Amino acid sequence: MAGAAPLGVRPRNWFDLVVLLAPMLRSLRLVQVIMVLGLVNKHASTTLRASVSRYAAVAAVLIVFCAALAVLDAERGAPDAVITTFPDALWWAATTVTTVGYGDLYPVTMGGRLVASVLFTAGIALLGVVTATLASWFVEKFNEGQESAAATRQQVAELAAEVRSLRAELAAERAEPPAAASGETAKAD
């Protein structure tokens, strides 16, 4: 038994095992394939948006952390510096990147101000990425609704045409005199 699984190990593909043991369920494999294809298609459409969101979040954290270290390095030895500890620098970087900027902490050196200008530019870019991602999601949902409404209108038009043809067929049957019945009546007389 060189290829057998050790005791206590469970097979991962229960569905395949059931289909193998019950051949009448083989058609269910098609359902499984269709579901997988649907998930792949859905995953492909959201992958780009999810990747952009992940990269933006990681970039924001790294930018805030690096800016906090840079402003602390630039401000630490300045005589009138307000940002002198890492927690203060981190708070200043977080409020600056989100474009809140309370004004309680601010750089006084030229190096600190350069870091600040890079940081608030990065904050504006980050807000642009977040806004664009949300906007693309809204547009996608709106387009899905439009496609669904168009499909529904198409189905309603097809059903209306079918009802009209059935009504015409029914009216034609009612208008025809029953040929077989009138012939039998004449023969009986």
N, C-alpha and C. Protein backbone atom coordinates (compact mmCIF):
# COMPACT_ATOMS: atom_id res chain seq x y z
N MET A 1 0.82 -1.19 0.00
CA MET A 1 0.00 0.00 0.00
C MET A 1 0.86 1.25 0.00
N ALA A 2 1.64 1.39 -1.02
CA ALA A 2 2.55 2.53 -1.08
C ALA A 2 1.81 3.83 -1.33
N GLY A 3 0.68 3.81 -2.08
CA GLY A 3 -0.02 5.04 -2.44
C GLY A 3 -1.17 5.38 -1.50
N ALA A 4 -1.42 4.56 -0.48
CA ALA A 4 -2.57 4.80 0.40
C ALA A 4 -2.27 5.95 1.36
N ALA A 5 -3.32 6.67 1.73
CA ALA A 5 -3.18 7.78 2.68
C ALA A 5 -3.06 7.22 4.07
N PRO A 6 -2.24 7.86 4.91
CA PRO A 6 -2.11 7.38 6.30
C PRO A 6 -3.43 7.50 7.04
N LEU A 7 -3.57 6.70 8.08
CA LEU A 7 -4.79 6.74 8.88
C LEU A 7 -4.97 8.13 9.48
N GLY A 8 -6.20 8.60 9.55
CA GLY A 8 -6.47 9.91 10.13
C GLY A 8 -6.45 11.03 9.10
N VAL A 9 -6.06 10.74 7.87
CA VAL A 9 -6.04 11.76 6.81
C VAL A 9 -7.33 11.62 6.02
N ARG A 10 -8.02 12.72 5.87
CA ARG A 10 -9.29 12.72 5.15
C ARG A 10 -9.09 13.21 3.73
N PRO A 11 -9.79 12.62 2.78
CA PRO A 11 -9.69 13.14 1.42
C PRO A 11 -10.30 14.54 1.33
N ARG A 12 -9.70 15.37 0.50
CA ARG A 12 -10.16 16.75 0.38
C ARG A 12 -11.29 16.91 -0.61
N ASN A 13 -11.44 16.01 -1.52
CA ASN A 13 -12.41 16.15 -2.59
C ASN A 13 -13.60 15.21 -2.39
N TRP A 14 -14.41 15.49 -1.40
CA TRP A 14 -15.55 14.65 -1.10
C TRP A 14 -16.53 14.61 -2.27
N PHE A 15 -16.70 15.73 -2.92
CA PHE A 15 -17.64 15.79 -4.04
C PHE A 15 -17.22 14.82 -5.14
N ASP A 16 -15.95 14.82 -5.47
CA ASP A 16 -15.44 13.90 -6.50
C ASP A 16 -15.62 12.45 -6.08
N LEU A 17 -15.41 12.18 -4.81
CA LEU A 17 -15.58 10.82 -4.30
C LEU A 17 -17.04 10.37 -4.42
N VAL A 18 -17.97 11.24 -4.06
CA VAL A 18 -19.39 10.91 -4.16
C VAL A 18 -19.78 10.67 -5.61
N VAL A 19 -19.30 11.51 -6.52
CA VAL A 19 -19.62 11.33 -7.94
C VAL A 19 -19.03 10.03 -8.46
N LEU A 20 -17.86 9.68 -7.98
CA LEU A 20 -17.24 8.43 -8.41
C LEU A 20 -18.03 7.22 -7.92
N LEU A 21 -18.54 7.29 -6.68
CA LEU A 21 -19.29 6.18 -6.12
C LEU A 21 -20.73 6.11 -6.63
N ALA A 22 -21.30 7.25 -6.99
CA ALA A 22 -22.69 7.30 -7.49
C ALA A 22 -22.68 7.91 -8.89
N PRO A 23 -22.49 7.10 -9.93
CA PRO A 23 -22.36 7.61 -11.29
C PRO A 23 -23.56 8.43 -11.77
N MET A 24 -24.74 8.21 -11.15
CA MET A 24 -25.90 8.99 -11.61
C MET A 24 -25.78 10.46 -11.25
N LEU A 25 -24.83 10.83 -10.43
CA LEU A 25 -24.62 12.23 -10.03
C LEU A 25 -23.57 12.94 -10.89
N ARG A 26 -23.10 12.29 -11.94
CA ARG A 26 -22.04 12.90 -12.77
C ARG A 26 -22.46 14.21 -13.40
N SER A 27 -23.74 14.36 -13.67
CA SER A 27 -24.20 15.62 -14.27
C SER A 27 -24.01 16.79 -13.31
N LEU A 28 -23.91 16.51 -12.02
CA LEU A 28 -23.66 17.59 -11.06
C LEU A 28 -22.27 18.20 -11.22
N ARG A 29 -21.36 17.50 -11.86
CA ARG A 29 -20.03 18.05 -12.12
C ARG A 29 -20.14 19.28 -13.01
N LEU A 30 -21.10 19.29 -13.93
CA LEU A 30 -21.32 20.44 -14.79
C LEU A 30 -21.74 21.65 -13.97
N VAL A 31 -22.58 21.42 -12.97
CA VAL A 31 -22.98 22.51 -12.08
C VAL A 31 -21.76 23.06 -11.35
N GLN A 32 -20.89 22.17 -10.91
CA GLN A 32 -19.68 22.59 -10.22
C GLN A 32 -18.80 23.43 -11.15
N VAL A 33 -18.66 23.02 -12.39
CA VAL A 33 -17.85 23.77 -13.36
C VAL A 33 -18.46 25.15 -13.61
N ILE A 34 -19.77 25.21 -13.77
CA ILE A 34 -20.44 26.49 -14.00
C ILE A 34 -20.25 27.42 -12.80
N MET A 35 -20.36 26.88 -11.61
CA MET A 35 -20.16 27.71 -10.41
C MET A 35 -18.73 28.24 -10.34
N VAL A 36 -17.76 27.40 -10.65
CA VAL A 36 -16.37 27.82 -10.63
C VAL A 36 -16.12 28.92 -11.66
N LEU A 37 -16.68 28.74 -12.86
CA LEU A 37 -16.51 29.77 -13.90
C LEU A 37 -17.13 31.09 -13.48
N GLY A 38 -18.27 31.05 -12.82
CA GLY A 38 -18.90 32.27 -12.33
C GLY A 38 -18.05 32.94 -11.27
N LEU A 39 -17.47 32.16 -10.38
CA LEU A 39 -16.62 32.74 -9.35
C LEU A 39 -15.35 33.34 -9.95
N VAL A 40 -14.79 32.67 -10.96
CA VAL A 40 -13.59 33.19 -11.60
C VAL A 40 -13.89 34.52 -12.28
N ASN A 41 -15.02 34.59 -12.97
CA ASN A 41 -15.39 35.83 -13.64
C ASN A 41 -15.61 36.95 -12.63
N LYS A 42 -16.32 36.66 -11.54
CA LYS A 42 -16.56 37.67 -10.51
C LYS A 42 -15.26 38.08 -9.85
N HIS A 43 -14.40 37.10 -9.61
CA HIS A 43 -13.11 37.38 -8.98
C HIS A 43 -12.25 38.26 -9.87
N ALA A 44 -12.29 38.00 -11.18
CA ALA A 44 -11.47 38.79 -12.11
C ALA A 44 -11.91 40.24 -12.15
N SER A 45 -13.22 40.50 -12.03
CA SER A 45 -13.69 41.88 -12.09
C SER A 45 -13.37 42.64 -10.81
N THR A 46 -13.31 41.95 -9.69
CA THR A 46 -13.02 42.65 -8.44
C THR A 46 -11.55 42.59 -8.06
N THR A 47 -10.76 41.80 -8.77
CA THR A 47 -9.36 41.65 -8.41
C THR A 47 -8.60 42.97 -8.53
N LEU A 48 -8.80 43.67 -9.62
CA LEU A 48 -8.09 44.93 -9.82
C LEU A 48 -8.46 45.94 -8.74
N ARG A 49 -9.76 46.07 -8.46
CA ARG A 49 -10.19 47.02 -7.44
C ARG A 49 -9.64 46.63 -6.07
N ALA A 50 -9.67 45.35 -5.76
CA ALA A 50 -9.16 44.89 -4.48
C ALA A 50 -7.65 45.11 -4.39
N SER A 51 -6.94 44.88 -5.48
CA SER A 51 -5.49 45.09 -5.47
C SER A 51 -5.16 46.56 -5.27
N VAL A 52 -5.87 47.43 -5.97
CA VAL A 52 -5.63 48.86 -5.81
C VAL A 52 -5.92 49.29 -4.38
N SER A 53 -6.99 48.78 -3.81
CA SER A 53 -7.34 49.13 -2.42
C SER A 53 -6.27 48.64 -1.45
N ARG A 54 -5.80 47.41 -1.65
CA ARG A 54 -4.76 46.88 -0.76
C ARG A 54 -3.47 47.68 -0.87
N TYR A 55 -3.05 47.96 -2.12
CA TYR A 55 -1.82 48.72 -2.32
C TYR A 55 -1.95 50.13 -1.75
N ALA A 56 -3.09 50.74 -1.90
CA ALA A 56 -3.29 52.09 -1.36
C ALA A 56 -3.22 52.07 0.16
N ALA A 57 -3.83 51.07 0.79
CA ALA A 57 -3.80 50.99 2.25
C ALA A 57 -2.37 50.75 2.76
N VAL A 58 -1.66 49.84 2.14
CA VAL A 58 -0.28 49.56 2.56
C VAL A 58 0.60 50.78 2.31
N ALA A 59 0.43 51.41 1.16
CA ALA A 59 1.22 52.61 0.84
C ALA A 59 0.93 53.72 1.84
N ALA A 60 -0.34 53.88 2.23
CA ALA A 60 -0.68 54.94 3.19
C ALA A 60 0.00 54.70 4.53
N VAL A 61 -0.03 53.45 4.99
CA VAL A 61 0.62 53.14 6.27
C VAL A 61 2.12 53.38 6.19
N LEU A 62 2.73 52.92 5.10
CA LEU A 62 4.18 53.13 4.95
C LEU A 62 4.53 54.60 4.83
N ILE A 63 3.74 55.36 4.08
CA ILE A 63 4.01 56.79 3.92
C ILE A 63 3.89 57.50 5.26
N VAL A 64 2.87 57.19 6.04
CA VAL A 64 2.69 57.82 7.35
C VAL A 64 3.87 57.48 8.27
N PHE A 65 4.25 56.22 8.29
CA PHE A 65 5.35 55.80 9.16
C PHE A 65 6.67 56.46 8.73
N CYS A 66 6.97 56.43 7.45
CA CYS A 66 8.21 57.03 6.96
C CYS A 66 8.22 58.54 7.16
N ALA A 67 7.08 59.18 6.92
CA ALA A 67 7.01 60.63 7.13
C ALA A 67 7.17 60.97 8.60
N ALA A 68 6.63 60.17 9.49
CA ALA A 68 6.80 60.40 10.93
C ALA A 68 8.27 60.30 11.31
N LEU A 69 8.95 59.29 10.78
CA LEU A 69 10.39 59.16 11.07
C LEU A 69 11.17 60.33 10.48
N ALA A 70 10.85 60.73 9.24
CA ALA A 70 11.58 61.82 8.58
C ALA A 70 11.37 63.15 9.28
N VAL A 71 10.13 63.45 9.67
CA VAL A 71 9.88 64.74 10.34
C VAL A 71 10.48 64.74 11.74
N LEU A 72 10.48 63.61 12.39
CA LEU A 72 11.11 63.53 13.71
C LEU A 72 12.61 63.76 13.59
N ASP A 73 13.22 63.18 12.57
CA ASP A 73 14.65 63.38 12.35
C ASP A 73 14.96 64.84 12.03
N ALA A 74 14.11 65.48 11.25
CA ALA A 74 14.34 66.88 10.88
C ALA A 74 14.04 67.83 12.02
N GLU A 75 13.09 67.53 12.88
CA GLU A 75 12.62 68.46 13.90
C GLU A 75 13.26 68.24 15.27
N ARG A 76 13.80 67.11 15.52
CA ARG A 76 14.24 66.76 16.88
C ARG A 76 15.24 67.75 17.46
N GLY A 77 16.17 68.24 16.71
CA GLY A 77 17.21 69.13 17.26
C GLY A 77 16.89 70.61 17.11
N ALA A 78 15.77 70.97 16.50
CA ALA A 78 15.43 72.38 16.28
C ALA A 78 15.03 73.03 17.60
N PRO A 79 15.42 74.34 17.79
CA PRO A 79 15.13 74.99 19.08
C PRO A 79 13.63 75.20 19.34
N ASP A 80 12.84 75.55 18.37
CA ASP A 80 11.41 75.81 18.59
C ASP A 80 10.54 74.66 18.11
N ALA A 81 11.08 73.47 18.04
CA ALA A 81 10.35 72.32 17.49
C ALA A 81 9.20 71.93 18.39
N VAL A 82 8.09 71.61 17.76
CA VAL A 82 6.90 71.15 18.47
C VAL A 82 6.83 69.63 18.40
N ILE A 83 7.38 69.06 17.35
CA ILE A 83 7.37 67.61 17.17
C ILE A 83 8.71 67.07 17.67
N THR A 84 8.69 66.49 18.86
CA THR A 84 9.95 66.03 19.46
C THR A 84 9.94 64.56 19.84
N THR A 85 8.81 63.90 19.80
CA THR A 85 8.73 62.48 20.13
C THR A 85 8.10 61.72 18.96
N PHE A 86 8.33 60.40 18.92
CA PHE A 86 7.77 59.61 17.83
C PHE A 86 6.24 59.58 17.86
N PRO A 87 5.60 59.43 19.02
CA PRO A 87 4.13 59.48 19.01
C PRO A 87 3.59 60.81 18.46
N ASP A 88 4.25 61.92 18.81
CA ASP A 88 3.83 63.22 18.24
C ASP A 88 4.02 63.23 16.73
N ALA A 89 5.15 62.70 16.28
CA ALA A 89 5.43 62.66 14.84
C ALA A 89 4.41 61.78 14.12
N LEU A 90 4.06 60.66 14.72
CA LEU A 90 3.07 59.76 14.13
C LEU A 90 1.69 60.43 14.07
N TRP A 91 1.31 61.12 15.14
CA TRP A 91 0.04 61.83 15.15
C TRP A 91 0.03 62.93 14.08
N TRP A 92 1.12 63.67 14.00
CA TRP A 92 1.21 64.74 13.00
C TRP A 92 1.10 64.15 11.58
N ALA A 93 1.79 63.03 11.32
CA ALA A 93 1.77 62.42 9.99
C ALA A 93 0.37 61.90 9.66
N ALA A 94 -0.30 61.30 10.64
CA ALA A 94 -1.64 60.77 10.39
C ALA A 94 -2.63 61.90 10.11
N THR A 95 -2.56 62.99 10.84
CA THR A 95 -3.49 64.10 10.59
C THR A 95 -3.15 64.84 9.31
N THR A 96 -1.89 64.85 8.93
CA THR A 96 -1.50 65.55 7.71
C THR A 96 -1.87 64.75 6.47
N VAL A 97 -1.65 63.43 6.48
CA VAL A 97 -1.96 62.62 5.31
C VAL A 97 -3.46 62.56 5.05
N THR A 98 -4.26 62.67 6.08
CA THR A 98 -5.71 62.67 5.89
C THR A 98 -6.23 64.07 5.62
N THR A 99 -5.36 65.02 5.48
CA THR A 99 -5.64 66.43 5.20
C THR A 99 -6.50 67.09 6.28
N VAL A 100 -6.45 66.55 7.50
CA VAL A 100 -7.16 67.16 8.62
C VAL A 100 -6.31 68.30 9.17
N GLY A 101 -5.08 67.99 9.57
CA GLY A 101 -4.13 68.98 10.04
C GLY A 101 -4.67 69.90 11.12
N TYR A 102 -4.78 69.42 12.35
CA TYR A 102 -5.36 70.21 13.44
C TYR A 102 -4.58 71.49 13.74
N GLY A 103 -3.30 71.48 13.51
CA GLY A 103 -2.50 72.66 13.80
C GLY A 103 -1.82 72.61 15.16
N ASP A 104 -2.09 71.58 15.94
CA ASP A 104 -1.44 71.45 17.24
C ASP A 104 0.02 71.07 17.09
N LEU A 105 0.37 70.36 16.05
CA LEU A 105 1.74 69.97 15.77
C LEU A 105 2.06 70.41 14.35
N TYR A 106 3.24 71.00 14.16
CA TYR A 106 3.64 71.50 12.84
C TYR A 106 5.16 71.54 12.78
N PRO A 107 5.72 71.33 11.60
CA PRO A 107 7.18 71.39 11.47
C PRO A 107 7.65 72.84 11.40
N VAL A 108 8.85 73.09 11.96
CA VAL A 108 9.40 74.45 11.93
C VAL A 108 10.67 74.53 11.09
N THR A 109 11.28 73.39 10.79
CA THR A 109 12.50 73.41 9.99
C THR A 109 12.16 73.25 8.51
N MET A 110 13.15 73.64 7.68
CA MET A 110 12.94 73.51 6.24
C MET A 110 12.78 72.03 5.84
N GLY A 111 13.55 71.13 6.42
CA GLY A 111 13.43 69.70 6.14
C GLY A 111 12.06 69.16 6.55
N GLY A 112 11.59 69.60 7.71
CA GLY A 112 10.26 69.17 8.19
C GLY A 112 9.15 69.68 7.29
N ARG A 113 9.30 70.89 6.80
CA ARG A 113 8.27 71.46 5.90
C ARG A 113 8.29 70.75 4.55
N LEU A 114 9.47 70.35 4.10
CA LEU A 114 9.56 69.58 2.86
C LEU A 114 8.85 68.23 3.01
N VAL A 115 9.07 67.58 4.16
CA VAL A 115 8.38 66.32 4.44
C VAL A 115 6.87 66.56 4.48
N ALA A 116 6.45 67.67 5.08
CA ALA A 116 5.03 67.99 5.17
C ALA A 116 4.41 68.18 3.79
N SER A 117 5.11 68.88 2.90
CA SER A 117 4.55 69.10 1.57
C SER A 117 4.44 67.79 0.78
N VAL A 118 5.42 66.91 0.92
CA VAL A 118 5.33 65.60 0.27
C VAL A 118 4.19 64.79 0.88
N LEU A 119 4.04 64.88 2.20
CA LEU A 119 3.02 64.09 2.87
C LEU A 119 1.61 64.55 2.53
N PHE A 120 1.35 65.85 2.50
CA PHE A 120 -0.02 66.23 2.16
C PHE A 120 -0.32 66.04 0.69
N THR A 121 0.70 66.07 -0.17
CA THR A 121 0.48 65.72 -1.58
C THR A 121 0.13 64.24 -1.70
N ALA A 122 0.83 63.41 -0.94
CA ALA A 122 0.51 61.98 -0.92
C ALA A 122 -0.89 61.74 -0.36
N GLY A 123 -1.29 62.53 0.63
CA GLY A 123 -2.63 62.41 1.20
C GLY A 123 -3.71 62.74 0.19
N ILE A 124 -3.48 63.78 -0.60
CA ILE A 124 -4.45 64.14 -1.62
C ILE A 124 -4.53 63.05 -2.69
N ALA A 125 -3.38 62.49 -3.06
CA ALA A 125 -3.36 61.39 -4.03
C ALA A 125 -4.09 60.17 -3.47
N LEU A 126 -3.90 59.89 -2.20
CA LEU A 126 -4.57 58.76 -1.56
C LEU A 126 -6.08 58.97 -1.57
N LEU A 127 -6.53 60.16 -1.26
CA LEU A 127 -7.96 60.44 -1.32
C LEU A 127 -8.50 60.28 -2.74
N GLY A 128 -7.70 60.65 -3.73
CA GLY A 128 -8.10 60.46 -5.12
C GLY A 128 -8.26 59.00 -5.47
N VAL A 129 -7.35 58.15 -5.00
CA VAL A 129 -7.44 56.71 -5.26
C VAL A 129 -8.68 56.13 -4.60
N VAL A 130 -8.93 56.51 -3.36
CA VAL A 130 -10.11 55.99 -2.65
C VAL A 130 -11.38 56.45 -3.34
N THR A 131 -11.43 57.71 -3.73
CA THR A 131 -12.62 58.24 -4.41
C THR A 131 -12.83 57.54 -5.76
N ALA A 132 -11.77 57.35 -6.51
CA ALA A 132 -11.88 56.69 -7.81
C ALA A 132 -12.34 55.24 -7.66
N THR A 133 -11.83 54.55 -6.65
CA THR A 133 -12.24 53.17 -6.42
C THR A 133 -13.72 53.09 -6.07
N LEU A 134 -14.18 53.97 -5.19
CA LEU A 134 -15.60 53.98 -4.84
C LEU A 134 -16.46 54.34 -6.06
N ALA A 135 -16.01 55.31 -6.83
CA ALA A 135 -16.77 55.72 -8.02
C ALA A 135 -16.87 54.57 -9.02
N SER A 136 -15.79 53.84 -9.23
CA SER A 136 -15.84 52.72 -10.18
C SER A 136 -16.78 51.63 -9.67
N TRP A 137 -16.83 51.42 -8.37
CA TRP A 137 -17.74 50.43 -7.80
C TRP A 137 -19.19 50.86 -8.02
N PHE A 138 -19.48 52.15 -7.77
CA PHE A 138 -20.84 52.65 -8.00
C PHE A 138 -21.24 52.53 -9.46
N VAL A 139 -20.34 52.88 -10.36
CA VAL A 139 -20.64 52.79 -11.80
C VAL A 139 -20.89 51.35 -12.20
N GLU A 140 -20.11 50.42 -11.67
CA GLU A 140 -20.31 49.00 -11.98
C GLU A 140 -21.67 48.53 -11.50
N LYS A 141 -22.05 48.90 -10.29
CA LYS A 141 -23.36 48.49 -9.76
C LYS A 141 -24.49 49.12 -10.56
N PHE A 142 -24.33 50.38 -10.97
CA PHE A 142 -25.35 51.05 -11.78
C PHE A 142 -25.49 50.35 -13.13
N ASN A 143 -24.36 50.00 -13.75
CA ASN A 143 -24.40 49.31 -15.04
C ASN A 143 -25.05 47.94 -14.93
N GLU A 144 -24.79 47.24 -13.82
CA GLU A 144 -25.44 45.94 -13.61
C GLU A 144 -26.94 46.12 -13.53
N GLY A 145 -27.40 47.17 -12.85
CA GLY A 145 -28.83 47.45 -12.75
C GLY A 145 -29.43 47.79 -14.10
N GLN A 146 -28.69 48.55 -14.92
CA GLN A 146 -29.17 48.91 -16.25
C GLN A 146 -29.29 47.67 -17.13
N GLU A 147 -28.29 46.80 -17.07
CA GLU A 147 -28.32 45.57 -17.87
C GLU A 147 -29.49 44.69 -17.45
N SER A 148 -29.73 44.61 -16.15
CA SER A 148 -30.85 43.81 -15.66
C SER A 148 -32.17 44.39 -16.12
N ALA A 149 -32.30 45.71 -16.07
CA ALA A 149 -33.54 46.35 -16.52
C ALA A 149 -33.74 46.15 -18.02
N ALA A 150 -32.69 46.24 -18.79
CA ALA A 150 -32.80 46.02 -20.24
C ALA A 150 -33.23 44.58 -20.54
N ALA A 151 -32.66 43.63 -19.82
CA ALA A 151 -33.04 42.24 -20.02
C ALA A 151 -34.50 42.02 -19.65
N THR A 152 -34.94 42.66 -18.59
CA THR A 152 -36.34 42.53 -18.18
C THR A 152 -37.27 43.14 -19.23
N ARG A 153 -36.91 44.30 -19.76
CA ARG A 153 -37.71 44.93 -20.81
C ARG A 153 -37.78 44.02 -22.04
N GLN A 154 -36.68 43.39 -22.38
CA GLN A 154 -36.63 42.47 -23.53
C GLN A 154 -37.58 41.29 -23.29
N GLN A 155 -37.53 40.73 -22.09
CA GLN A 155 -38.40 39.59 -21.78
C GLN A 155 -39.87 40.00 -21.80
N VAL A 156 -40.18 41.19 -21.28
CA VAL A 156 -41.57 41.67 -21.28
C VAL A 156 -42.04 41.86 -22.72
N ALA A 157 -41.20 42.41 -23.59
CA ALA A 157 -41.58 42.60 -24.99
C ALA A 157 -41.83 41.26 -25.67
N GLU A 158 -40.99 40.26 -25.39
CA GLU A 158 -41.18 38.94 -25.98
C GLU A 158 -42.48 38.31 -25.49
N LEU A 159 -42.77 38.45 -24.20
CA LEU A 159 -44.00 37.88 -23.65
C LEU A 159 -45.23 38.59 -24.22
N ALA A 160 -45.14 39.91 -24.39
CA ALA A 160 -46.27 40.65 -24.97
C ALA A 160 -46.52 40.20 -26.41
N ALA A 161 -45.46 39.98 -27.18
CA ALA A 161 -45.63 39.51 -28.55
C ALA A 161 -46.25 38.12 -28.57
N GLU A 162 -45.86 37.27 -27.65
CA GLU A 162 -46.42 35.93 -27.59
C GLU A 162 -47.90 35.98 -27.20
N VAL A 163 -48.27 36.85 -26.28
CA VAL A 163 -49.67 36.99 -25.88
C VAL A 163 -50.50 37.49 -27.06
N ARG A 164 -49.96 38.47 -27.81
CA ARG A 164 -50.68 38.97 -28.99
C ARG A 164 -50.91 37.86 -30.01
N SER A 165 -49.89 37.05 -30.25
CA SER A 165 -50.06 35.97 -31.24
C SER A 165 -51.06 34.92 -30.75
N LEU A 166 -51.07 34.64 -29.45
CA LEU A 166 -52.03 33.68 -28.90
C LEU A 166 -53.45 34.24 -28.98
N ARG A 167 -53.61 35.53 -28.72
CA ARG A 167 -54.93 36.15 -28.84
C ARG A 167 -55.42 36.10 -30.28
N ALA A 168 -54.52 36.37 -31.23
CA ALA A 168 -54.90 36.33 -32.64
C ALA A 168 -55.30 34.91 -33.04
N GLU A 169 -54.56 33.94 -32.57
CA GLU A 169 -54.86 32.54 -32.87
C GLU A 169 -56.21 32.14 -32.27
N LEU A 170 -56.48 32.56 -31.05
CA LEU A 170 -57.74 32.26 -30.39
C LEU A 170 -58.90 32.95 -31.11
N ALA A 171 -58.73 34.20 -31.52
CA ALA A 171 -59.77 34.92 -32.25
C ALA A 171 -60.05 34.24 -33.59
N ALA A 172 -59.00 33.75 -34.25
CA ALA A 172 -59.18 33.07 -35.53
C ALA A 172 -59.96 31.77 -35.35
N GLU A 173 -59.70 31.05 -34.28
CA GLU A 173 -60.44 29.81 -34.02
C GLU A 173 -61.90 30.08 -33.72
N ARG A 174 -62.18 31.15 -33.00
CA ARG A 174 -63.57 31.48 -32.67
C ARG A 174 -64.34 31.95 -33.90
N ALA A 175 -63.65 32.62 -34.84
CA ALA A 175 -64.31 33.16 -36.02
C ALA A 175 -64.63 32.06 -37.04
N GLU A 176 -63.89 30.97 -37.07
CA GLU A 176 -64.13 29.88 -38.02
C GLU A 176 -65.39 29.12 -37.67
N PRO A 177 -66.26 28.87 -38.66
CA PRO A 177 -67.40 27.99 -38.37
C PRO A 177 -66.90 26.56 -38.27
N PRO A 178 -67.42 25.82 -37.38
CA PRO A 178 -66.97 24.44 -37.25
C PRO A 178 -67.42 23.62 -38.45
N ALA A 179 -66.48 23.32 -39.34
CA ALA A 179 -66.76 22.64 -40.62
C ALA A 179 -67.22 21.21 -40.37
N ALA A 180 -66.55 20.52 -39.54
CA ALA A 180 -66.89 19.11 -39.32
C ALA A 180 -68.26 18.99 -38.66
N ALA A 181 -68.58 19.85 -37.75
CA ALA A 181 -69.85 19.76 -37.04
C ALA A 181 -71.02 20.10 -37.95
N SER A 182 -70.92 21.08 -38.84
CA SER A 182 -72.03 21.47 -39.74
C SER A 182 -72.22 20.39 -40.79
N GLY A 183 -71.19 19.72 -41.26
CA GLY A 183 -71.31 18.64 -42.22
C GLY A 183 -72.06 17.46 -41.65
N GLU A 184 -71.81 17.14 -40.40
CA GLU A 184 -72.50 16.02 -39.76
C GLU A 184 -73.98 16.34 -39.57
N THR A 185 -74.29 17.59 -39.27
CA THR A 185 -75.68 17.97 -39.06
C THR A 185 -76.47 17.85 -40.37
N ALA A 186 -75.84 18.22 -41.47
CA ALA A 186 -76.52 18.16 -42.77
C ALA A 186 -76.80 16.71 -43.16
N LYS A 187 -75.87 15.81 -42.85
CA LYS A 187 -76.05 14.40 -43.20
C LYS A 187 -77.16 13.75 -42.37
N ALA A 188 -77.31 14.19 -41.15
CA ALA A 188 -78.31 13.59 -40.29
C ALA A 188 -79.71 13.95 -40.76
N ASP A 189 -79.90 15.08 -41.46
CA ASP A 189 -81.23 15.46 -41.94
C ASP A 189 -81.55 14.66 -43.13
